[in-house]
N, C-alpha and C. Protein backbone atom coordinates (compact mmCIF):
# COMPACT_ATOMS: atom_id res chain seq x y z
N MET A 1 11.34 -10.13 2.13
CA MET A 1 10.03 -9.50 2.58
C MET A 1 9.25 -10.23 3.50
N GLN A 2 9.01 -10.05 4.77
CA GLN A 2 8.43 -10.95 5.72
C GLN A 2 6.89 -10.44 5.82
N VAL A 3 6.61 -9.02 5.63
CA VAL A 3 5.25 -8.83 6.04
C VAL A 3 4.62 -8.78 4.67
N ARG A 4 3.11 -8.63 5.03
CA ARG A 4 2.12 -8.69 3.93
C ARG A 4 1.29 -7.60 3.73
N THR A 5 1.60 -6.43 4.58
CA THR A 5 0.95 -5.08 4.54
C THR A 5 1.95 -4.15 3.94
N LEU A 6 1.19 -3.59 2.80
CA LEU A 6 2.57 -2.38 2.22
C LEU A 6 1.58 -0.86 2.16
N TYR A 7 2.69 -0.35 2.47
CA TYR A 7 2.41 1.27 2.58
C TYR A 7 2.92 1.94 1.05
N VAL A 8 1.53 2.47 0.76
CA VAL A 8 1.48 2.81 -0.62
C VAL A 8 1.34 4.56 -0.57
N ARG A 9 1.83 5.30 -1.26
CA ARG A 9 2.18 6.58 -1.20
C ARG A 9 1.87 7.30 -2.50
N ASN A 10 1.70 8.53 -2.50
CA ASN A 10 1.77 9.33 -4.16
C ASN A 10 0.70 9.09 -4.97
N PHE A 11 -0.76 8.58 -4.35
CA PHE A 11 -1.88 8.32 -5.41
C PHE A 11 -2.70 9.61 -4.69
N LYS A 12 -3.69 10.22 -5.93
CA LYS A 12 -4.42 11.18 -5.53
C LYS A 12 -5.37 10.89 -4.22
N HIS A 13 -5.49 12.36 -3.76
CA HIS A 13 -6.30 12.39 -2.48
C HIS A 13 -7.75 11.80 -2.74
N SER A 14 -7.95 12.11 -3.94
CA SER A 14 -9.62 11.61 -4.32
C SER A 14 -10.00 9.87 -4.47
N THR A 15 -8.55 9.13 -4.57
CA THR A 15 -8.70 8.01 -4.68
C THR A 15 -9.50 6.90 -3.81
N GLU A 16 -10.35 6.41 -4.35
CA GLU A 16 -11.13 5.44 -3.45
C GLU A 16 -11.01 4.12 -3.36
N ASP A 17 -10.89 3.49 -1.91
CA ASP A 17 -10.60 2.25 -1.69
C ASP A 17 -10.89 1.10 -2.90
N TYR A 18 -11.98 1.22 -3.65
CA TYR A 18 -12.05 -0.06 -4.67
C TYR A 18 -10.93 -0.01 -5.83
N LYS A 19 -10.71 1.27 -6.08
CA LYS A 19 -9.82 1.41 -6.90
C LYS A 19 -8.59 0.82 -6.57
N LEU A 20 -7.82 1.30 -5.48
CA LEU A 20 -6.91 0.50 -4.88
C LEU A 20 -6.97 -1.26 -4.97
N ASN A 21 -8.14 -1.53 -4.52
CA ASN A 21 -8.61 -2.81 -4.50
C ASN A 21 -8.24 -3.51 -5.96
N LYS A 22 -8.95 -2.70 -6.65
CA LYS A 22 -8.92 -3.58 -8.19
C LYS A 22 -7.64 -3.31 -8.44
N LEU A 23 -6.73 -2.50 -8.13
CA LEU A 23 -5.16 -2.77 -8.79
C LEU A 23 -4.35 -3.85 -7.81
N PHE A 24 -4.51 -3.64 -6.87
CA PHE A 24 -3.51 -4.80 -6.13
C PHE A 24 -4.06 -6.21 -6.18
N SER A 25 -5.54 -6.20 -6.50
CA SER A 25 -6.20 -7.95 -6.54
C SER A 25 -5.26 -8.54 -7.71
N ASN A 26 -4.99 -7.60 -8.89
CA ASN A 26 -4.33 -8.48 -9.79
C ASN A 26 -3.11 -9.30 -9.48
N TYR A 27 -2.62 -8.98 -8.21
CA TYR A 27 -1.42 -9.48 -7.86
C TYR A 27 -1.62 -10.74 -6.34
N GLY A 28 -2.91 -10.74 -5.95
CA GLY A 28 -3.07 -11.79 -5.12
C GLY A 28 -4.58 -11.00 -4.26
N LYS A 29 -5.13 -11.74 -3.11
CA LYS A 29 -6.06 -11.57 -2.54
C LYS A 29 -6.12 -10.24 -1.55
N VAL A 30 -6.53 -9.45 -1.71
CA VAL A 30 -6.71 -7.84 -0.65
C VAL A 30 -7.31 -8.62 0.14
N LYS A 31 -6.76 -8.19 1.66
CA LYS A 31 -7.63 -8.44 2.75
C LYS A 31 -8.18 -7.19 3.29
N GLN A 32 -7.12 -5.97 3.35
CA GLN A 32 -7.91 -4.89 3.59
C GLN A 32 -6.96 -3.38 3.27
N ILE A 33 -7.74 -2.75 3.11
CA ILE A 33 -7.09 -1.21 2.32
C ILE A 33 -7.91 -0.46 3.74
N ASN A 34 -6.65 0.63 3.79
CA ASN A 34 -6.92 1.73 4.86
C ASN A 34 -6.17 2.65 4.21
N ILE A 35 -7.15 3.92 3.68
CA ILE A 35 -6.38 5.09 2.95
C ILE A 35 -6.76 6.24 4.07
N ILE A 36 -5.75 6.79 4.07
CA ILE A 36 -5.63 7.88 5.37
C ILE A 36 -6.02 9.19 4.47
N ARG A 37 -7.79 9.39 4.81
CA ARG A 37 -7.96 10.57 4.31
C ARG A 37 -7.65 11.86 4.27
N GLY A 38 -7.60 12.87 3.09
CA GLY A 38 -7.21 13.82 2.79
C GLY A 38 -5.73 13.61 2.56
N ARG A 39 -5.01 12.89 2.57
CA ARG A 39 -3.88 12.29 2.38
C ARG A 39 -3.54 11.77 1.04
N ASP A 40 -2.14 11.48 0.74
CA ASP A 40 -1.98 10.70 -0.47
C ASP A 40 -1.03 9.69 -0.15
N PHE A 41 -1.53 8.67 1.01
CA PHE A 41 -1.00 7.38 1.23
C PHE A 41 -2.04 6.63 1.97
N GLY A 42 -1.86 5.58 2.15
CA GLY A 42 -2.52 4.27 2.98
C GLY A 42 -1.91 2.75 3.00
N PHE A 43 -2.65 1.93 3.40
CA PHE A 43 -1.97 0.76 3.57
C PHE A 43 -2.63 -0.43 2.71
N VAL A 44 -1.96 -1.16 2.45
CA VAL A 44 -3.04 -2.44 1.48
C VAL A 44 -2.28 -3.68 1.98
N GLU A 45 -3.26 -4.33 2.48
CA GLU A 45 -2.77 -5.87 3.41
C GLU A 45 -3.38 -7.00 2.20
N MET A 46 -2.02 -7.54 2.15
CA MET A 46 -2.42 -8.94 0.95
C MET A 46 -2.39 -9.74 1.74
N SER A 47 -2.89 -11.24 1.34
CA SER A 47 -3.64 -12.27 2.33
C SER A 47 -2.08 -13.08 2.71
N ASN A 48 -1.00 -12.85 1.94
CA ASN A 48 0.23 -13.43 2.35
C ASN A 48 1.50 -12.81 1.74
N THR A 49 2.92 -13.18 2.34
CA THR A 49 3.84 -12.38 1.65
C THR A 49 4.43 -12.55 0.50
N GLU A 50 3.79 -13.51 -0.21
CA GLU A 50 4.56 -13.97 -1.54
C GLU A 50 3.40 -12.87 -2.34
N GLU A 51 2.42 -12.52 -1.86
CA GLU A 51 1.25 -11.82 -2.66
C GLU A 51 1.66 -10.37 -2.55
N ALA A 52 2.38 -9.92 -0.92
CA ALA A 52 2.48 -8.62 -0.99
C ALA A 52 3.93 -8.36 -1.59
N GLU A 53 5.00 -9.34 -1.91
CA GLU A 53 6.22 -9.07 -2.73
C GLU A 53 5.75 -8.70 -3.97
N ARG A 54 4.96 -9.89 -4.48
CA ARG A 54 4.38 -9.82 -6.21
C ARG A 54 4.06 -8.44 -6.53
N ALA A 55 3.08 -8.01 -5.73
CA ALA A 55 2.36 -6.42 -5.89
C ALA A 55 3.46 -5.23 -5.66
N LYS A 56 4.19 -5.65 -4.70
CA LYS A 56 5.47 -4.29 -4.39
C LYS A 56 6.30 -4.21 -5.77
N LYS A 57 6.85 -5.59 -6.33
CA LYS A 57 7.56 -5.30 -7.27
C LYS A 57 6.77 -4.66 -8.42
N ALA A 58 5.89 -5.21 -8.45
CA ALA A 58 5.14 -4.70 -10.15
C ALA A 58 4.59 -3.41 -9.69
N LEU A 59 4.14 -2.62 -8.67
CA LEU A 59 3.70 -1.72 -8.71
C LEU A 59 4.13 -0.51 -8.12
N ASP A 60 5.63 -0.74 -7.57
CA ASP A 60 6.27 0.20 -7.36
C ASP A 60 6.79 1.27 -8.25
N ASN A 61 6.64 2.56 -8.62
CA ASN A 61 6.60 3.31 -9.47
C ASN A 61 5.89 3.04 -10.85
N TYR A 62 4.72 2.42 -10.37
CA TYR A 62 3.62 2.44 -11.37
C TYR A 62 2.72 3.75 -11.91
N CYS A 63 2.39 3.95 -12.95
CA CYS A 63 1.70 5.10 -13.21
C CYS A 63 0.37 4.67 -12.66
N PHE A 64 -0.50 5.32 -11.70
CA PHE A 64 -1.78 4.85 -11.62
C PHE A 64 -2.46 6.43 -11.44
N GLU A 65 -3.43 6.51 -12.31
CA GLU A 65 -4.28 7.77 -12.81
C GLU A 65 -3.48 8.82 -12.57
N GLY A 66 -2.04 9.08 -13.39
CA GLY A 66 -1.25 10.18 -13.66
C GLY A 66 -0.36 10.50 -12.65
N ARG A 67 -0.31 9.58 -11.54
CA ARG A 67 0.85 9.58 -10.71
C ARG A 67 1.50 8.29 -10.36
N PHE A 68 2.86 8.64 -10.14
CA PHE A 68 3.85 7.19 -9.92
C PHE A 68 3.68 6.92 -8.63
N LEU A 69 3.18 5.61 -8.24
CA LEU A 69 2.82 5.11 -6.84
C LEU A 69 4.57 4.87 -6.03
N LYS A 70 4.33 4.87 -5.14
CA LYS A 70 5.76 4.44 -4.15
C LYS A 70 5.04 3.31 -3.13
N VAL A 71 5.76 2.03 -3.37
CA VAL A 71 5.19 1.04 -2.52
C VAL A 71 6.17 0.22 -1.99
N ASP A 72 6.32 0.51 -0.66
CA ASP A 72 7.26 -0.08 0.47
C ASP A 72 6.60 -1.24 1.19
N GLU A 73 7.24 -1.77 2.09
CA GLU A 73 6.91 -2.82 3.28
C GLU A 73 6.47 -1.73 4.13
N ALA A 74 5.28 -1.92 5.17
CA ALA A 74 4.81 -1.20 6.25
C ALA A 74 5.70 -1.85 7.48
N TRP A 75 6.02 -0.91 8.38
CA TRP A 75 6.57 -1.22 9.44
C TRP A 75 5.51 -1.79 10.56
N PRO A 76 5.60 -2.87 10.88
CA PRO A 76 5.17 -3.19 12.01
C PRO A 76 4.71 -1.70 13.32
N LEU A 77 3.90 -2.07 14.05
CA LEU A 77 3.62 -0.86 14.75
C LEU A 77 4.58 -0.93 15.95
N ARG A 78 4.63 -2.35 16.35
CA ARG A 78 5.72 -2.46 17.53
C ARG A 78 6.85 -1.42 17.18
N ASP A 79 7.40 -1.26 15.85
CA ASP A 79 8.87 -0.82 15.38
C ASP A 79 8.62 0.76 15.57
N ILE A 80 7.45 1.21 15.36
CA ILE A 80 7.36 2.74 15.20
C ILE A 80 7.46 3.31 16.89
N ARG A 81 8.18 4.26 17.14
CA ARG A 81 8.60 4.94 18.04
C ARG A 81 8.32 6.62 17.73
N ILE A 82 7.67 7.13 18.89
CA ILE A 82 7.45 8.51 18.85
C ILE A 82 8.34 9.37 19.81
N ILE A 83 9.19 10.15 19.52
CA ILE A 83 9.81 10.97 20.45
C ILE A 83 9.26 12.13 20.37
N ASN A 84 9.62 12.52 21.93
CA ASN A 84 8.68 13.89 21.95
C ASN A 84 10.05 14.78 22.63
N ASN A 85 9.88 15.78 22.00
CA ASN A 85 10.87 16.98 22.26
C ASN A 85 10.45 17.78 23.52
């Protein structure tokens, strides 16, 4: 893995930033958390790729507040393409 930002999904809509920060900080320094409000996903940026990999391995399918998290590498913005129909 070459990224340090993780795409995290399947947490409760009511989850607060500080709860994810507390969870992910067990695996390294959390630089930024961006929860997409009203949705069950967001992004967690770790301070380096090793910490991001450690967090991903530990927390993918981890039961958090009664739901199993899905943790993946976040795609760099330059790789996202919008297709108009």
